[in-house]
Amino acid sequence: MNLFVLAGFIGPQEIIIILIIVVLLFGGRKIPELMKGVGKGMREFKKATKGEDEEEELKDQGKLK
């Protein structure tokens, strides 16, 4: 089946059920720690992609070997 069709069937009730299951599995104290880790990972990814862009610009300008 098409992924877009499946995504159309997820409503607010299903999202609430999924959130309840996540809280039961990980506990209320563990979820902020998980989100903190996700945030750090996203920041590192952005830094890595930005760093590559800066290196390419410096190469184009002849400032980097």
Protein backbone atom coordinates (compact mmCIF):
# COMPACT_ATOMS: atom_id res chain seq x y z
CA MET A 1 0.00 0.00 0.00
CA ASN A 2 1.06 3.56 -0.56
CA LEU A 3 2.65 5.29 2.44
CA PHE A 4 0.62 8.45 1.89
CA VAL A 5 -2.61 6.48 2.09
CA LEU A 6 -1.55 4.94 5.40
CA ALA A 7 -0.58 8.32 6.83
CA GLY A 8 -4.06 9.65 6.08
CA PHE A 9 -5.61 7.17 8.50
CA ILE A 10 -3.72 8.46 11.55
CA GLY A 11 -6.01 10.70 13.53
CA PRO A 12 -5.89 12.42 16.89
CA GLN A 13 -7.13 9.33 18.74
CA GLU A 14 -4.36 7.17 17.31
CA ILE A 15 -1.73 9.79 18.19
CA ILE A 16 -2.98 9.88 21.80
CA ILE A 17 -2.83 6.08 22.00
CA ILE A 18 0.74 6.09 20.64
CA LEU A 19 1.78 8.76 23.17
CA ILE A 20 0.27 6.74 26.04
CA ILE A 21 2.18 3.65 24.92
CA VAL A 22 5.44 5.64 24.72
CA VAL A 23 4.92 6.99 28.25
CA LEU A 24 4.21 3.49 29.55
CA LEU A 25 7.28 2.03 27.87
CA PHE A 26 9.82 4.71 28.75
CA GLY A 27 8.31 6.41 31.80
CA GLY A 28 7.70 10.10 32.38
CA ARG A 29 11.25 10.80 33.53
CA LYS A 30 13.02 9.15 30.61
CA ILE A 31 11.19 10.99 27.79
CA PRO A 32 12.87 14.41 28.38
CA GLU A 33 16.25 12.69 28.34
CA LEU A 34 15.40 11.02 25.03
CA MET A 35 14.26 14.33 23.50
CA LYS A 36 17.45 16.01 24.76
CA GLY A 37 19.48 13.37 22.95
CA VAL A 38 17.46 13.86 19.76
CA GLY A 39 18.04 17.62 19.97
CA LYS A 40 21.79 17.18 20.38
CA GLY A 41 21.87 14.83 17.42
CA MET A 42 20.01 17.33 15.26
CA ARG A 43 22.39 20.14 16.28
CA GLU A 44 25.43 18.01 15.46
CA PHE A 45 23.95 17.11 12.08
CA LYS A 46 23.31 20.77 11.27
CA LYS A 47 26.86 21.68 12.29
CA ALA A 48 28.27 18.90 10.13
CA THR A 49 26.30 19.92 7.06
CA LYS A 50 27.10 23.59 7.61
CA GLY A 51 30.80 22.80 8.03
CA GLU A 52 30.93 21.00 4.69
CA ASP A 53 29.28 23.96 2.97
CA GLU A 54 31.85 26.34 4.48
CA GLU A 55 34.73 24.12 3.32
CA GLU A 56 33.38 24.11 -0.24
CA GLU A 57 33.04 27.90 -0.22
CA LEU A 58 36.62 28.30 1.02
CA LYS A 59 37.86 25.93 -1.67
CA ASP A 60 36.00 27.94 -4.31
CA GLN A 61 37.58 31.15 -3.02
CA GLY A 62 41.04 29.59 -3.00
CA LYS A 63 41.57 30.06 0.74
CA LEU A 64 41.69 26.34 1.53
CA LYS A 65 44.00 23.83 -0.09
